[in-house]
Amino acid sequence: MAVETQLHKQLQGYRLTTAEILYHLPDHPAMLQSYIWQELDIAPRFPVLHNFLDFWTREIEGKLHSVRVASVGLIQPGRWEHAAHMMYLH
């Protein structure tokens, strides 16, 4: 069985995904707490995040309030830009 590295996942289209999860505290339902989740996932369906949220609703007492998601590809084509300034030292 081959081990799938993070680089291999990125080449398959996975992107760094960050989710801010707001949830109600079990003992104080009127209060919200924030949890930051970060993993490689495939946009726009986010199957890894959905699996985590399914786990959350089954196993964790804090009821979900909202989830904000941001995603960015880490592997991108190289960029080439002109230097705005050039200076010499010594």
PDB file of N, CA and C in Angstrom:
ATOM      1  N   MET A   1       0.842  -1.177   0.000  1.00  0.00           N
ATOM      2  CA  MET A   1       0.000   0.000   0.000  1.00  0.00           C
ATOM      3  C   MET A   1       0.887   1.241   0.000  1.00  0.00           C
ATOM      4  N   ALA A   2       0.681   2.122  -0.933  1.00  0.00           N
ATOM      5  CA  ALA A   2       1.491   3.333  -1.058  1.00  0.00           C
ATOM      6  C   ALA A   2       1.027   4.396  -0.064  1.00  0.00           C
ATOM      7  N   VAL A   3       1.979   5.108   0.478  1.00  0.00           N
ATOM      8  CA  VAL A   3       1.677   6.200   1.391  1.00  0.00           C
ATOM      9  C   VAL A   3       1.452   7.459   0.559  1.00  0.00           C
ATOM     10  N   GLU A   4       0.323   8.117   0.803  1.00  0.00           N
ATOM     11  CA  GLU A   4       0.003   9.328   0.054  1.00  0.00           C
ATOM     12  C   GLU A   4       0.542  10.540   0.819  1.00  0.00           C
ATOM     13  N   THR A   5       1.514  11.220   0.241  1.00  0.00           N
ATOM     14  CA  THR A   5       2.111  12.372   0.894  1.00  0.00           C
ATOM     15  C   THR A   5       1.258  13.616   0.647  1.00  0.00           C
ATOM     16  N   GLN A   6       1.539  14.658   1.411  1.00  0.00           N
ATOM     17  CA  GLN A   6       0.808  15.904   1.218  1.00  0.00           C
ATOM     18  C   GLN A   6       1.097  16.496  -0.160  1.00  0.00           C
ATOM     19  N   LEU A   7       2.336  16.371  -0.629  1.00  0.00           N
ATOM     20  CA  LEU A   7       2.666  16.870  -1.960  1.00  0.00           C
ATOM     21  C   LEU A   7       1.857  16.121  -3.021  1.00  0.00           C
ATOM     22  N   HIS A   8       1.744  14.813  -2.884  1.00  0.00           N
ATOM     23  CA  HIS A   8       0.961  14.010  -3.826  1.00  0.00           C
ATOM     24  C   HIS A   8      -0.497  14.452  -3.811  1.00  0.00           C
ATOM     25  N   LYS A   9      -1.029  14.718  -2.638  1.00  0.00           N
ATOM     26  CA  LYS A   9      -2.415  15.200  -2.537  1.00  0.00           C
ATOM     27  C   LYS A   9      -2.580  16.543  -3.239  1.00  0.00           C
ATOM     28  N   GLN A  10      -1.607  17.449  -3.048  1.00  0.00           N
ATOM     29  CA  GLN A  10      -1.693  18.765  -3.669  1.00  0.00           C
ATOM     30  C   GLN A  10      -1.658  18.654  -5.188  1.00  0.00           C
ATOM     31  N   LEU A  11      -0.869  17.727  -5.699  1.00  0.00           N
ATOM     32  CA  LEU A  11      -0.816  17.523  -7.142  1.00  0.00           C
ATOM     33  C   LEU A  11      -2.121  16.933  -7.673  1.00  0.00           C
ATOM     34  N   GLN A  12      -2.904  16.314  -6.807  1.00  0.00           N
ATOM     35  CA  GLN A  12      -4.208  15.770  -7.189  1.00  0.00           C
ATOM     36  C   GLN A  12      -5.333  16.795  -7.048  1.00  0.00           C
ATOM     37  N   GLY A  13      -5.019  18.013  -6.646  1.00  0.00           N
ATOM     38  CA  GLY A  13      -6.032  19.060  -6.549  1.00  0.00           C
ATOM     39  C   GLY A  13      -6.446  19.428  -5.143  1.00  0.00           C
ATOM     40  N   TYR A  14      -5.849  18.813  -4.145  1.00  0.00           N
ATOM     41  CA  TYR A  14      -6.164  19.202  -2.766  1.00  0.00           C
ATOM     42  C   TYR A  14      -5.590  20.583  -2.498  1.00  0.00           C
ATOM     43  N   ARG A  15      -6.293  21.361  -1.682  1.00  0.00           N
ATOM     44  CA  ARG A  15      -5.845  22.708  -1.335  1.00  0.00           C
ATOM     45  C   ARG A  15      -5.872  22.858   0.181  1.00  0.00           C
ATOM     46  N   LEU A  16      -5.054  23.762   0.680  1.00  0.00           N
ATOM     47  CA  LEU A  16      -5.064  24.042   2.108  1.00  0.00           C
ATOM     48  C   LEU A  16      -6.393  24.715   2.441  1.00  0.00           C
ATOM     49  N   THR A  17      -7.145  24.103   3.329  1.00  0.00           N
ATOM     50  CA  THR A  17      -8.477  24.585   3.687  1.00  0.00           C
ATOM     51  C   THR A  17      -8.508  24.890   5.179  1.00  0.00           C
ATOM     52  N   THR A  18      -8.988  26.072   5.498  1.00  0.00           N
ATOM     53  CA  THR A  18      -9.126  26.490   6.891  1.00  0.00           C
ATOM     54  C   THR A  18     -10.603  26.777   7.148  1.00  0.00           C
ATOM     55  N   ALA A  19     -11.109  26.245   8.238  1.00  0.00           N
ATOM     56  CA  ALA A  19     -12.508  26.483   8.608  1.00  0.00           C
ATOM     57  C   ALA A  19     -12.557  27.030  10.028  1.00  0.00           C
ATOM     58  N   GLU A  20     -13.311  28.114  10.198  1.00  0.00           N
ATOM     59  CA  GLU A  20     -13.589  28.628  11.537  1.00  0.00           C
ATOM     60  C   GLU A  20     -14.969  28.102  11.915  1.00  0.00           C
ATOM     61  N   ILE A  21     -14.991  27.277  12.940  1.00  0.00           N
ATOM     62  CA  ILE A  21     -16.229  26.640  13.375  1.00  0.00           C
ATOM     63  C   ILE A  21     -16.690  27.317  14.660  1.00  0.00           C
ATOM     64  N   LEU A  22     -17.871  27.903  14.624  1.00  0.00           N
ATOM     65  CA  LEU A  22     -18.475  28.471  15.832  1.00  0.00           C
ATOM     66  C   LEU A  22     -19.483  27.458  16.359  1.00  0.00           C
ATOM     67  N   TYR A  23     -19.403  27.202  17.658  1.00  0.00           N
ATOM     68  CA  TYR A  23     -20.314  26.228  18.258  1.00  0.00           C
ATOM     69  C   TYR A  23     -20.773  26.714  19.625  1.00  0.00           C
ATOM     70  N   HIS A  24     -21.921  26.192  20.051  1.00  0.00           N
ATOM     71  CA  HIS A  24     -22.485  26.542  21.352  1.00  0.00           C
ATOM     72  C   HIS A  24     -21.798  25.707  22.426  1.00  0.00           C
ATOM     73  N   LEU A  25     -21.432  26.350  23.530  1.00  0.00           N
ATOM     74  CA  LEU A  25     -20.859  25.619  24.650  1.00  0.00           C
ATOM     75  C   LEU A  25     -21.939  24.728  25.267  1.00  0.00           C
ATOM     76  N   PRO A  26     -21.616  23.462  25.543  1.00  0.00           N
ATOM     77  CA  PRO A  26     -22.646  22.554  26.077  1.00  0.00           C
ATOM     78  C   PRO A  26     -23.247  23.022  27.404  1.00  0.00           C
ATOM     79  N   ASP A  27     -22.427  23.567  28.305  1.00  0.00           N
ATOM     80  CA  ASP A  27     -22.933  24.002  29.616  1.00  0.00           C
ATOM     81  C   ASP A  27     -23.569  25.378  29.585  1.00  0.00           C
ATOM     82  N   HIS A  28     -23.228  26.178  28.564  1.00  0.00           N
ATOM     83  CA  HIS A  28     -23.758  27.538  28.427  1.00  0.00           C
ATOM     84  C   HIS A  28     -24.171  27.744  26.971  1.00  0.00           C
ATOM     85  N   PRO A  29     -25.332  27.256  26.556  1.00  0.00           N
ATOM     86  CA  PRO A  29     -25.728  27.290  25.138  1.00  0.00           C
ATOM     87  C   PRO A  29     -25.831  28.688  24.533  1.00  0.00           C
ATOM     88  N   ALA A  30     -25.960  29.714  25.363  1.00  0.00           N
ATOM     89  CA  ALA A  30     -26.045  31.072  24.824  1.00  0.00           C
ATOM     90  C   ALA A  30     -24.676  31.606  24.412  1.00  0.00           C
ATOM     91  N   MET A  31     -23.603  30.944  24.846  1.00  0.00           N
ATOM     92  CA  MET A  31     -22.242  31.400  24.526  1.00  0.00           C
ATOM     93  C   MET A  31     -21.691  30.601  23.347  1.00  0.00           C
ATOM     94  N   LEU A  32     -20.937  31.304  22.480  1.00  0.00           N
ATOM     95  CA  LEU A  32     -20.299  30.662  21.343  1.00  0.00           C
ATOM     96  C   LEU A  32     -18.799  30.565  21.568  1.00  0.00           C
ATOM     97  N   GLN A  33     -18.217  29.508  21.051  1.00  0.00           N
ATOM     98  CA  GLN A  33     -16.765  29.305  21.105  1.00  0.00           C
ATOM     99  C   GLN A  33     -16.303  29.065  19.674  1.00  0.00           C
ATOM    100  N   SER A  34     -15.063  29.440  19.396  1.00  0.00           N
ATOM    101  CA  SER A  34     -14.497  29.283  18.060  1.00  0.00           C
ATOM    102  C   SER A  34     -13.477  28.147  18.053  1.00  0.00           C
ATOM    103  N   TYR A  35     -13.490  27.362  16.983  1.00  0.00           N
ATOM    104  CA  TYR A  35     -12.521  26.290  16.783  1.00  0.00           C
ATOM    105  C   TYR A  35     -11.986  26.427  15.361  1.00  0.00           C
ATOM    106  N   ILE A  36     -10.662  26.420  15.205  1.00  0.00           N
ATOM    107  CA  ILE A  36     -10.044  26.524  13.884  1.00  0.00           C
ATOM    108  C   ILE A  36      -9.600  25.141  13.442  1.00  0.00           C
ATOM    109  N   TRP A  37     -10.043  24.738  12.266  1.00  0.00           N
ATOM    110  CA  TRP A  37      -9.708  23.443  11.673  1.00  0.00           C
ATOM    111  C   TRP A  37      -8.947  23.711  10.380  1.00  0.00           C
ATOM    112  N   GLN A  38      -7.847  22.971  10.152  1.00  0.00           N
ATOM    113  CA  GLN A  38      -7.058  23.179   8.934  1.00  0.00           C
ATOM    114  C   GLN A  38      -6.565  21.834   8.422  1.00  0.00           C
ATOM    115  N   GLU A  39      -6.772  21.602   7.124  1.00  0.00           N
ATOM    116  CA  GLU A  39      -6.410  20.321   6.509  1.00  0.00           C
ATOM    117  C   GLU A  39      -6.384  20.506   4.996  1.00  0.00           C
ATOM    118  N   LEU A  40      -5.747  19.580   4.294  1.00  0.00           N
ATOM    119  CA  LEU A  40      -5.826  19.579   2.838  1.00  0.00           C
ATOM    120  C   LEU A  40      -7.168  18.990   2.433  1.00  0.00           C
ATOM    121  N   ASP A  41      -7.860  19.672   1.524  1.00  0.00           N
ATOM    122  CA  ASP A  41      -9.190  19.240   1.101  1.00  0.00           C
ATOM    123  C   ASP A  41      -9.403  19.652  -0.352  1.00  0.00           C
ATOM    124  N   ILE A  42     -10.455  19.149  -0.967  1.00  0.00           N
ATOM    125  CA  ILE A  42     -10.754  19.449  -2.361  1.00  0.00           C
ATOM    126  C   ILE A  42     -11.907  20.441  -2.424  1.00  0.00           C
ATOM    127  N   ALA A  43     -11.639  21.624  -2.976  1.00  0.00           N
ATOM    128  CA  ALA A  43     -12.682  22.631  -3.158  1.00  0.00           C
ATOM    129  C   ALA A  43     -13.429  22.325  -4.442  1.00  0.00           C
ATOM    130  N   PRO A  44     -14.681  22.635  -4.588  1.00  0.00           N
ATOM    131  CA  PRO A  44     -15.569  23.318  -3.654  1.00  0.00           C
ATOM    132  C   PRO A  44     -16.434  22.369  -2.819  1.00  0.00           C
ATOM    133  N   ARG A  45     -16.269  21.051  -2.967  1.00  0.00           N
ATOM    134  CA  ARG A  45     -17.145  20.109  -2.240  1.00  0.00           C
ATOM    135  C   ARG A  45     -16.669  19.841  -0.821  1.00  0.00           C
ATOM    136  N   PHE A  46     -15.383  19.949  -0.550  1.00  0.00           N
ATOM    137  CA  PHE A  46     -14.785  19.783   0.776  1.00  0.00           C
ATOM    138  C   PHE A  46     -15.200  18.486   1.472  1.00  0.00           C
ATOM    139  N   PRO A  47     -14.879  17.331   0.896  1.00  0.00           N
ATOM    140  CA  PRO A  47     -15.286  16.060   1.521  1.00  0.00           C
ATOM    141  C   PRO A  47     -14.607  15.806   2.866  1.00  0.00           C
ATOM    142  N   VAL A  48     -13.364  16.225   3.041  1.00  0.00           N
ATOM    143  CA  VAL A  48     -12.661  16.005   4.321  1.00  0.00           C
ATOM    144  C   VAL A  48     -13.318  16.836   5.418  1.00  0.00           C
ATOM    145  N   LEU A  49     -13.639  18.085   5.110  1.00  0.00           N
ATOM    146  CA  LEU A  49     -14.321  18.943   6.082  1.00  0.00           C
ATOM    147  C   LEU A  49     -15.699  18.381   6.422  1.00  0.00           C
ATOM    148  N   HIS A  50     -16.434  17.903   5.433  1.00  0.00           N
ATOM    149  CA  HIS A  50     -17.758  17.327   5.705  1.00  0.00           C
ATOM    150  C   HIS A  50     -17.641  16.098   6.601  1.00  0.00           C
ATOM    151  N   ASN A  51     -16.623  15.280   6.383  1.00  0.00           N
ATOM    152  CA  ASN A  51     -16.415  14.121   7.260  1.00  0.00           C
ATOM    153  C   ASN A  51     -16.140  14.567   8.689  1.00  0.00           C
ATOM    154  N   PHE A  52     -15.326  15.622   8.844  1.00  0.00           N
ATOM    155  CA  PHE A  52     -15.036  16.137  10.183  1.00  0.00           C
ATOM    156  C   PHE A  52     -16.304  16.684  10.840  1.00  0.00           C
ATOM    157  N   LEU A  53     -17.107  17.428  10.087  1.00  0.00           N
ATOM    158  CA  LEU A  53     -18.342  17.990  10.652  1.00  0.00           C
ATOM    159  C   LEU A  53     -19.343  16.894  11.000  1.00  0.00           C
ATOM    160  N   ASP A  54     -19.386  15.825  10.205  1.00  0.00           N
ATOM    161  CA  ASP A  54     -20.235  14.678  10.553  1.00  0.00           C
ATOM    162  C   ASP A  54     -19.770  14.043  11.861  1.00  0.00           C
ATOM    163  N   PHE A  55     -18.456  13.882  12.022  1.00  0.00           N
ATOM    164  CA  PHE A  55     -17.887  13.382  13.277  1.00  0.00           C
ATOM    165  C   PHE A  55     -18.277  14.296  14.432  1.00  0.00           C
ATOM    166  N   TRP A  56     -18.160  15.615  14.210  1.00  0.00           N
ATOM    167  CA  TRP A  56     -18.478  16.591  15.253  1.00  0.00           C
ATOM    168  C   TRP A  56     -19.918  16.412  15.729  1.00  0.00           C
ATOM    169  N   THR A  57     -20.858  16.346  14.796  1.00  0.00           N
ATOM    170  CA  THR A  57     -22.265  16.258  15.196  1.00  0.00           C
ATOM    171  C   THR A  57     -22.572  14.932  15.903  1.00  0.00           C
ATOM    172  N   ARG A  58     -21.843  13.854  15.560  1.00  0.00           N
ATOM    173  CA  ARG A  58     -22.067  12.554  16.212  1.00  0.00           C
ATOM    174  C   ARG A  58     -21.420  12.468  17.589  1.00  0.00           C
ATOM    175  N   GLU A  59     -20.203  12.997  17.743  1.00  0.00           N
ATOM    176  CA  GLU A  59     -19.381  12.704  18.914  1.00  0.00           C
ATOM    177  C   GLU A  59     -19.176  13.857  19.895  1.00  0.00           C
ATOM    178  N   ILE A  60     -19.380  15.092  19.465  1.00  0.00           N
ATOM    179  CA  ILE A  60     -19.068  16.239  20.320  1.00  0.00           C
ATOM    180  C   ILE A  60     -20.370  16.906  20.752  1.00  0.00           C
ATOM    181  N   GLU A  61     -20.424  17.289  22.019  1.00  0.00           N
ATOM    182  CA  GLU A  61     -21.657  17.825  22.589  1.00  0.00           C
ATOM    183  C   GLU A  61     -22.009  19.222  22.100  1.00  0.00           C
ATOM    184  N   GLY A  62     -21.025  20.030  21.740  1.00  0.00           N
ATOM    185  CA  GLY A  62     -21.288  21.413  21.330  1.00  0.00           C
ATOM    186  C   GLY A  62     -22.013  21.467  19.998  1.00  0.00           C
ATOM    187  N   LYS A  63     -23.219  22.037  19.992  1.00  0.00           N
ATOM    188  CA  LYS A  63     -24.009  22.147  18.770  1.00  0.00           C
ATOM    189  C   LYS A  63     -23.392  23.199  17.845  1.00  0.00           C
ATOM    190  N   LEU A  64     -23.265  22.859  16.558  1.00  0.00           N
ATOM    191  CA  LEU A  64     -22.672  23.778  15.586  1.00  0.00           C
ATOM    192  C   LEU A  64     -23.562  24.999  15.371  1.00  0.00           C
ATOM    193  N   HIS A  65     -22.915  26.157  15.283  1.00  0.00           N
ATOM    194  CA  HIS A  65     -23.628  27.395  14.993  1.00  0.00           C
ATOM    195  C   HIS A  65     -23.390  27.807  13.544  1.00  0.00           C
ATOM    196  N   SER A  66     -22.105  27.904  13.153  1.00  0.00           N
ATOM    197  CA  SER A  66     -21.769  28.300  11.785  1.00  0.00           C
ATOM    198  C   SER A  66     -20.350  27.848  11.456  1.00  0.00           C
ATOM    199  N   VAL A  67     -20.068  27.787  10.153  1.00  0.00           N
ATOM    200  CA  VAL A  67     -18.748  27.393   9.664  1.00  0.00           C
ATOM    201  C   VAL A  67     -18.365  28.340   8.529  1.00  0.00           C
ATOM    202  N   ARG A  68     -17.187  28.975   8.657  1.00  0.00           N
ATOM    203  CA  ARG A  68     -16.647  29.809   7.581  1.00  0.00           C
ATOM    204  C   ARG A  68     -15.438  29.095   7.006  1.00  0.00           C
ATOM    205  N   VAL A  69     -15.355  29.035   5.682  1.00  0.00           N
ATOM    206  CA  VAL A  69     -14.312  28.251   5.024  1.00  0.00           C
ATOM    207  C   VAL A  69     -13.505  29.146   4.098  1.00  0.00           C
ATOM    208  N   ALA A  70     -12.174  28.958   4.132  1.00  0.00           N
ATOM    209  CA  ALA A  70     -11.256  29.604   3.193  1.00  0.00           C
ATOM    210  C   ALA A  70     -10.348  28.521   2.634  1.00  0.00           C
ATOM    211  N   SER A  71     -10.018  28.643   1.342  1.00  0.00           N
ATOM    212  CA  SER A  71      -9.213  27.617   0.705  1.00  0.00           C
ATOM    213  C   SER A  71      -8.263  28.265  -0.284  1.00  0.00           C
ATOM    214  N   VAL A  72      -7.033  27.751  -0.342  1.00  0.00           N
ATOM    215  CA  VAL A  72      -6.043  28.285  -1.273  1.00  0.00           C
ATOM    216  C   VAL A  72      -5.143  27.161  -1.751  1.00  0.00           C
ATOM    217  N   GLY A  73      -4.809  27.192  -3.031  1.00  0.00           N
ATOM    218  CA  GLY A  73      -3.884  26.210  -3.580  1.00  0.00           C
ATOM    219  C   GLY A  73      -2.455  26.562  -3.202  1.00  0.00           C
ATOM    220  N   LEU A  74      -1.704  25.596  -2.692  1.00  0.00           N
ATOM    221  CA  LEU A  74      -0.323  25.868  -2.300  1.00  0.00           C
ATOM    222  C   LEU A  74       0.644  25.732  -3.476  1.00  0.00           C
ATOM    223  N   ILE A  75       0.339  24.827  -4.384  1.00  0.00           N
ATOM    224  CA  ILE A  75       1.193  24.650  -5.550  1.00  0.00           C
ATOM    225  C   ILE A  75       0.606  25.480  -6.676  1.00  0.00           C
ATOM    226  N   GLN A  76       1.373  26.447  -7.134  1.00  0.00           N
ATOM    227  CA  GLN A  76       0.920  27.337  -8.186  1.00  0.00           C
ATOM    228  C   GLN A  76       2.033  27.510  -9.193  1.00  0.00           C
ATOM    229  N   PRO A  77       1.712  27.948 -10.404  1.00  0.00           N
ATOM    230  CA  PRO A  77       2.769  28.228 -11.368  1.00  0.00           C
ATOM    231  C   PRO A  77       3.683  29.337 -10.850  1.00  0.00           C
ATOM    232  N   GLY A  78       4.930  29.273 -11.244  1.00  0.00           N
ATOM    233  CA  GLY A  78       5.883  30.304 -10.818  1.00  0.00           C
ATOM    234  C   GLY A  78       5.501  31.673 -11.346  1.00  0.00           C
ATOM    235  N   ARG A  79       5.804  32.693 -10.565  1.00  0.00           N
ATOM    236  CA  ARG A  79       5.531  34.067 -10.984  1.00  0.00           C
ATOM    237  C   ARG A  79       6.852  34.779 -11.194  1.00  0.00           C
ATOM    238  N   TRP A  80       6.870  35.626 -12.175  1.00  0.00           N
ATOM    239  CA  TRP A  80       8.077  36.366 -12.487  1.00  0.00           C
ATOM    240  C   TRP A  80       7.744  37.832 -12.478  1.00  0.00           C
ATOM    241  N   GLU A  81       8.491  38.609 -11.691  1.00  0.00           N
ATOM    242  CA  GLU A  81       8.240  40.044 -11.592  1.00  0.00           C
ATOM    243  C   GLU A  81       9.551  40.794 -11.687  1.00  0.00           C
ATOM    244  N   HIS A  82       9.483  42.023 -12.203  1.00  0.00           N
ATOM    245  CA  HIS A  82      10.644  42.894 -12.224  1.00  0.00           C
ATOM    246  C   HIS A  82      10.879  43.449 -10.829  1.00  0.00           C
ATOM    247  N   ALA A  83      12.137  43.606 -10.481  1.00  0.00           N
ATOM    248  CA  ALA A  83      12.467  44.226  -9.200  1.00  0.00           C
ATOM    249  C   ALA A  83      12.192  45.722  -9.283  1.00  0.00           C
ATOM    250  N   ALA A  84      11.548  46.270  -8.270  1.00  0.00           N
ATOM    251  CA  ALA A  84      11.237  47.699  -8.253  1.00  0.00           C
ATOM    252  C   ALA A  84      12.497  48.520  -7.951  1.00  0.00           C
ATOM    253  N   HIS A  85      13.386  47.993  -7.110  1.00  0.00           N
ATOM    254  CA  HIS A  85      14.601  48.702  -6.734  1.00  0.00           C
ATOM    255  C   HIS A  85      15.746  47.721  -6.696  1.00  0.00           C
ATOM    256  N   MET A  86      16.915  48.242  -6.952  1.00  0.00           N
ATOM    257  CA  MET A  86      18.096  47.408  -6.873  1.00  0.00           C
ATOM    258  C   MET A  86      19.173  48.201  -6.149  1.00  0.00           C
ATOM    259  N   MET A  87      19.807  47.579  -5.170  1.00  0.00           N
ATOM    260  CA  MET A  87      20.884  48.285  -4.474  1.00  0.00           C
ATOM    261  C   MET A  87      21.998  47.320  -4.174  1.00  0.00           C
ATOM    262  N   TYR A  88      23.162  47.855  -4.017  1.00  0.00           N
ATOM    263  CA  TYR A  88      24.355  47.070  -3.759  1.00  0.00           C
ATOM    264  C   TYR A  88      24.841  47.345  -2.352  1.00  0.00           C
ATOM    265  N   LEU A  89      25.325  46.318  -1.688  1.00  0.00           N
ATOM    266  CA  LEU A  89      25.892  46.441  -0.357  1.00  0.00           C
ATOM    267  C   LEU A  89      27.327  46.001  -0.451  1.00  0.00           C
ATOM    268  N   HIS A  90      28.257  46.886  -0.165  1.00  0.00           N
ATOM    269  CA  HIS A  90      29.700  46.652  -0.246  1.00  0.00           C
ATOM    270  C   HIS A  90      30.137  46.583  -1.668  1.00  0.00           C
TER     271      HIS A  90
END
